[in-house]
Amino acid sequence: MHCDDKRTLFVLKENIIMCFNELKETDFEDKNILKQINDLIEEYKALKKST
């Protein structure tokens, strides 16, 4: 795994955690944050699988 890939995975993971915490504050009802976290997780999984 290349250093840039590791950094990207780390940043994606941090963004997922941040979005999840924001989502908890809305009692999991904010559709925009739900979509954003879903997109981040899909991107994370795709990158993780390709490395």
PDB file of N, CA and C in Angstrom:
ATOM      1  N   MET A   1       0.854  -1.176   0.000  1.00  0.00           N
ATOM      2  CA  MET A   1       0.000   0.000   0.000  1.00  0.00           C
ATOM      3  C   MET A   1       0.901   1.240   0.000  1.00  0.00           C
ATOM      4  N   HIS A   2       0.619   2.125  -0.876  1.00  0.00           N
ATOM      5  CA  HIS A   2       1.398   3.351  -1.016  1.00  0.00           C
ATOM      6  C   HIS A   2       1.066   4.313   0.119  1.00  0.00           C
ATOM      7  N   CYS A   3       2.009   5.150   0.475  1.00  0.00           N
ATOM      8  CA  CYS A   3       1.842   6.113   1.565  1.00  0.00           C
ATOM      9  C   CYS A   3       0.636   7.031   1.331  1.00  0.00           C
ATOM     10  N   ASP A   4       0.450   7.472   0.089  1.00  0.00           N
ATOM     11  CA  ASP A   4      -0.692   8.338  -0.221  1.00  0.00           C
ATOM     12  C   ASP A   4      -2.012   7.608  -0.008  1.00  0.00           C
ATOM     13  N   ASP A   5      -2.041   6.314  -0.322  1.00  0.00           N
ATOM     14  CA  ASP A   5      -3.247   5.516  -0.104  1.00  0.00           C
ATOM     15  C   ASP A   5      -3.561   5.416   1.383  1.00  0.00           C
ATOM     16  N   LYS A   6      -2.535   5.208   2.184  1.00  0.00           N
ATOM     17  CA  LYS A   6      -2.737   5.125   3.635  1.00  0.00           C
ATOM     18  C   LYS A   6      -3.281   6.440   4.173  1.00  0.00           C
ATOM     19  N   ARG A   7      -2.727   7.534   3.695  1.00  0.00           N
ATOM     20  CA  ARG A   7      -3.182   8.854   4.141  1.00  0.00           C
ATOM     21  C   ARG A   7      -4.631   9.087   3.715  1.00  0.00           C
ATOM     22  N   THR A   8      -4.962   8.725   2.494  1.00  0.00           N
ATOM     23  CA  THR A   8      -6.330   8.889   1.998  1.00  0.00           C
ATOM     24  C   THR A   8      -7.299   8.056   2.822  1.00  0.00           C
ATOM     25  N   LEU A   9      -6.928   6.809   3.122  1.00  0.00           N
ATOM     26  CA  LEU A   9      -7.782   5.957   3.954  1.00  0.00           C
ATOM     27  C   LEU A   9      -7.972   6.572   5.336  1.00  0.00           C
ATOM     28  N   PHE A  10      -6.903   7.114   5.899  1.00  0.00           N
ATOM     29  CA  PHE A  10      -6.986   7.737   7.218  1.00  0.00           C
ATOM     30  C   PHE A  10      -7.938   8.926   7.194  1.00  0.00           C
ATOM     31  N   VAL A  11      -7.795   9.771   6.185  1.00  0.00           N
ATOM     32  CA  VAL A  11      -8.654  10.956   6.073  1.00  0.00           C
ATOM     33  C   VAL A  11     -10.110  10.544   5.865  1.00  0.00           C
ATOM     34  N   LEU A  12     -10.344   9.556   5.018  1.00  0.00           N
ATOM     35  CA  LEU A  12     -11.711   9.071   4.810  1.00  0.00           C
ATOM     36  C   LEU A  12     -12.299   8.535   6.107  1.00  0.00           C
ATOM     37  N   LYS A  13     -11.503   7.772   6.844  1.00  0.00           N
ATOM     38  CA  LYS A  13     -11.974   7.217   8.114  1.00  0.00           C
ATOM     39  C   LYS A  13     -12.320   8.336   9.097  1.00  0.00           C
ATOM     40  N   GLU A  14     -11.478   9.337   9.182  1.00  0.00           N
ATOM     41  CA  GLU A  14     -11.751  10.470  10.071  1.00  0.00           C
ATOM     42  C   GLU A  14     -13.024  11.204   9.648  1.00  0.00           C
ATOM     43  N   ASN A  15     -13.227  11.368   8.351  1.00  0.00           N
ATOM     44  CA  ASN A  15     -14.442  12.028   7.855  1.00  0.00           C
ATOM     45  C   ASN A  15     -15.684  11.196   8.153  1.00  0.00           C
ATOM     46  N   ILE A  16     -15.567   9.880   8.050  1.00  0.00           N
ATOM     47  CA  ILE A  16     -16.688   8.998   8.384  1.00  0.00           C
ATOM     48  C   ILE A  16     -17.054   9.167   9.849  1.00  0.00           C
ATOM     49  N   ILE A  17     -16.061   9.185  10.712  1.00  0.00           N
ATOM     50  CA  ILE A  17     -16.303   9.347  12.151  1.00  0.00           C
ATOM     51  C   ILE A  17     -16.943  10.703  12.433  1.00  0.00           C
ATOM     52  N   MET A  18     -16.437  11.749  11.798  1.00  0.00           N
ATOM     53  CA  MET A  18     -16.983  13.088  11.996  1.00  0.00           C
ATOM     54  C   MET A  18     -18.446  13.147  11.542  1.00  0.00           C
ATOM     55  N   CYS A  19     -18.736  12.581  10.377  1.00  0.00           N
ATOM     56  CA  CYS A  19     -20.114  12.570   9.871  1.00  0.00           C
ATOM     57  C   CYS A  19     -21.025  11.756  10.778  1.00  0.00           C
ATOM     58  N   PHE A  20     -20.519  10.636  11.276  1.00  0.00           N
ATOM     59  CA  PHE A  20     -21.321   9.812  12.170  1.00  0.00           C
ATOM     60  C   PHE A  20     -21.681  10.590  13.430  1.00  0.00           C
ATOM     61  N   ASN A  21     -20.720  11.314  13.980  1.00  0.00           N
ATOM     62  CA  ASN A  21     -20.996  12.112  15.175  1.00  0.00           C
ATOM     63  C   ASN A  21     -22.017  13.208  14.888  1.00  0.00           C
ATOM     64  N   GLU A  22     -21.916  13.840  13.720  1.00  0.00           N
ATOM     65  CA  GLU A  22     -22.915  14.838  13.326  1.00  0.00           C
ATOM     66  C   GLU A  22     -24.285  14.189  13.168  1.00  0.00           C
ATOM     67  N   LEU A  23     -24.299  12.998  12.610  1.00  0.00           N
ATOM     68  CA  LEU A  23     -25.551  12.279  12.394  1.00  0.00           C
ATOM     69  C   LEU A  23     -26.211  11.920  13.724  1.00  0.00           C
ATOM     70  N   LYS A  24     -25.413  11.535  14.704  1.00  0.00           N
ATOM     71  CA  LYS A  24     -25.953  11.224  16.032  1.00  0.00           C
ATOM     72  C   LYS A  24     -26.648  12.437  16.630  1.00  0.00           C
ATOM     73  N   GLU A  25     -26.081  13.621  16.394  1.00  0.00           N
ATOM     74  CA  GLU A  25     -26.664  14.848  16.940  1.00  0.00           C
ATOM     75  C   GLU A  25     -28.037  15.145  16.340  1.00  0.00           C
ATOM     76  N   THR A  26     -28.302  14.626  15.151  1.00  0.00           N
ATOM     77  CA  THR A  26     -29.599  14.851  14.502  1.00  0.00           C
ATOM     78  C   THR A  26     -30.543  13.671  14.712  1.00  0.00           C
ATOM     79  N   ASP A  27     -30.178  12.768  15.620  1.00  0.00           N
ATOM     80  CA  ASP A  27     -30.951  11.546  15.868  1.00  0.00           C
ATOM     81  C   ASP A  27     -31.119  10.718  14.595  1.00  0.00           C
ATOM     82  N   PHE A  28     -30.089  10.720  13.763  1.00  0.00           N
ATOM     83  CA  PHE A  28     -30.024   9.917  12.537  1.00  0.00           C
ATOM     84  C   PHE A  28     -31.138  10.262  11.547  1.00  0.00           C
ATOM     85  N   GLU A  29     -31.543  11.532  11.516  1.00  0.00           N
ATOM     86  CA  GLU A  29     -32.642  11.938  10.643  1.00  0.00           C
ATOM     87  C   GLU A  29     -32.220  12.837   9.487  1.00  0.00           C
ATOM     88  N   ASP A  30     -31.003  13.332   9.486  1.00  0.00           N
ATOM     89  CA  ASP A  30     -30.551  14.241   8.429  1.00  0.00           C
ATOM     90  C   ASP A  30     -30.179  13.442   7.182  1.00  0.00           C
ATOM     91  N   LYS A  31     -30.993  13.562   6.154  1.00  0.00           N
ATOM     92  CA  LYS A  31     -30.795  12.788   4.916  1.00  0.00           C
ATOM     93  C   LYS A  31     -29.493  13.163   4.208  1.00  0.00           C
ATOM     94  N   ASN A  32     -29.110  14.433   4.272  1.00  0.00           N
ATOM     95  CA  ASN A  32     -27.870  14.861   3.616  1.00  0.00           C
ATOM     96  C   ASN A  32     -26.649  14.208   4.257  1.00  0.00           C
ATOM     97  N   ILE A  33     -26.630  14.162   5.572  1.00  0.00           N
ATOM     98  CA  ILE A  33     -25.501  13.531   6.268  1.00  0.00           C
ATOM     99  C   ILE A  33     -25.521  12.029   6.027  1.00  0.00           C
ATOM    100  N   LEU A  34     -26.709  11.428   5.991  1.00  0.00           N
ATOM    101  CA  LEU A  34     -26.798   9.993   5.691  1.00  0.00           C
ATOM    102  C   LEU A  34     -26.201   9.682   4.321  1.00  0.00           C
ATOM    103  N   LYS A  35     -26.521  10.513   3.332  1.00  0.00           N
ATOM    104  CA  LYS A  35     -25.965  10.299   1.995  1.00  0.00           C
ATOM    105  C   LYS A  35     -24.458  10.511   2.001  1.00  0.00           C
ATOM    106  N   GLN A  36     -24.023  11.539   2.690  1.00  0.00           N
ATOM    107  CA  GLN A  36     -22.595  11.841   2.747  1.00  0.00           C
ATOM    108  C   GLN A  36     -21.813  10.699   3.397  1.00  0.00           C
ATOM    109  N   ILE A  37     -22.315  10.179   4.505  1.00  0.00           N
ATOM    110  CA  ILE A  37     -21.610   9.089   5.180  1.00  0.00           C
ATOM    111  C   ILE A  37     -21.637   7.823   4.331  1.00  0.00           C
ATOM    112  N   ASN A  38     -22.733   7.592   3.639  1.00  0.00           N
ATOM    113  CA  ASN A  38     -22.820   6.440   2.743  1.00  0.00           C
ATOM    114  C   ASN A  38     -21.782   6.544   1.624  1.00  0.00           C
ATOM    115  N   ASP A  39     -21.678   7.718   1.024  1.00  0.00           N
ATOM    116  CA  ASP A  39     -20.693   7.932  -0.042  1.00  0.00           C
ATOM    117  C   ASP A  39     -19.268   7.749   0.474  1.00  0.00           C
ATOM    118  N   LEU A  40     -18.997   8.269   1.666  1.00  0.00           N
ATOM    119  CA  LEU A  40     -17.659   8.130   2.247  1.00  0.00           C
ATOM    120  C   LEU A  40     -17.316   6.668   2.513  1.00  0.00           C
ATOM    121  N   ILE A  41     -18.280   5.923   3.029  1.00  0.00           N
ATOM    122  CA  ILE A  41     -18.043   4.505   3.317  1.00  0.00           C
ATOM    123  C   ILE A  41     -17.805   3.732   2.026  1.00  0.00           C
ATOM    124  N   GLU A  42     -18.589   4.017   0.996  1.00  0.00           N
ATOM    125  CA  GLU A  42     -18.387   3.344  -0.292  1.00  0.00           C
ATOM    126  C   GLU A  42     -17.007   3.655  -0.861  1.00  0.00           C
ATOM    127  N   GLU A  43     -16.603   4.914  -0.770  1.00  0.00           N
ATOM    128  CA  GLU A  43     -15.279   5.307  -1.267  1.00  0.00           C
ATOM    129  C   GLU A  43     -14.174   4.621  -0.457  1.00  0.00           C
ATOM    130  N   TYR A  44     -14.342   4.568   0.856  1.00  0.00           N
ATOM    131  CA  TYR A  44     -13.366   3.917   1.730  1.00  0.00           C
ATOM    132  C   TYR A  44     -13.233   2.437   1.376  1.00  0.00           C
ATOM    133  N   LYS A  45     -14.375   1.768   1.232  1.00  0.00           N
ATOM    134  CA  LYS A  45     -14.352   0.335   0.909  1.00  0.00           C
ATOM    135  C   LYS A  45     -13.712   0.076  -0.448  1.00  0.00           C
ATOM    136  N   ALA A  46     -14.019   0.907  -1.431  1.00  0.00           N
ATOM    137  CA  ALA A  46     -13.451   0.731  -2.769  1.00  0.00           C
ATOM    138  C   ALA A  46     -11.936   0.919  -2.747  1.00  0.00           C
ATOM    139  N   LEU A  47     -11.473   1.928  -2.039  1.00  0.00           N
ATOM    140  CA  LEU A  47     -10.035   2.171  -1.960  1.00  0.00           C
ATOM    141  C   LEU A  47      -9.341   1.061  -1.182  1.00  0.00           C
ATOM    142  N   LYS A  48      -9.955   0.632  -0.101  1.00  0.00           N
ATOM    143  CA  LYS A  48      -9.379  -0.441   0.719  1.00  0.00           C
ATOM    144  C   LYS A  48      -9.265  -1.726  -0.106  1.00  0.00           C
ATOM    145  N   LYS A  49     -10.285  -2.008  -0.910  1.00  0.00           N
ATOM    146  CA  LYS A  49     -10.297  -3.221  -1.727  1.00  0.00           C
ATOM    147  C   LYS A  49      -9.233  -3.167  -2.823  1.00  0.00           C
ATOM    148  N   SER A  50      -8.988  -1.982  -3.366  1.00  0.00           N
ATOM    149  CA  SER A  50      -8.045  -1.848  -4.479  1.00  0.00           C
ATOM    150  C   SER A  50      -6.587  -1.830  -4.035  1.00  0.00           C
ATOM    151  N   THR A  51      -6.359  -1.672  -2.742  1.00  0.00           N
ATOM    152  CA  THR A  51      -4.964  -1.619  -2.273  1.00  0.00           C
ATOM    153  C   THR A  51      -4.504  -2.932  -1.709  1.00  0.00           C
TER     154      THR A  51
END
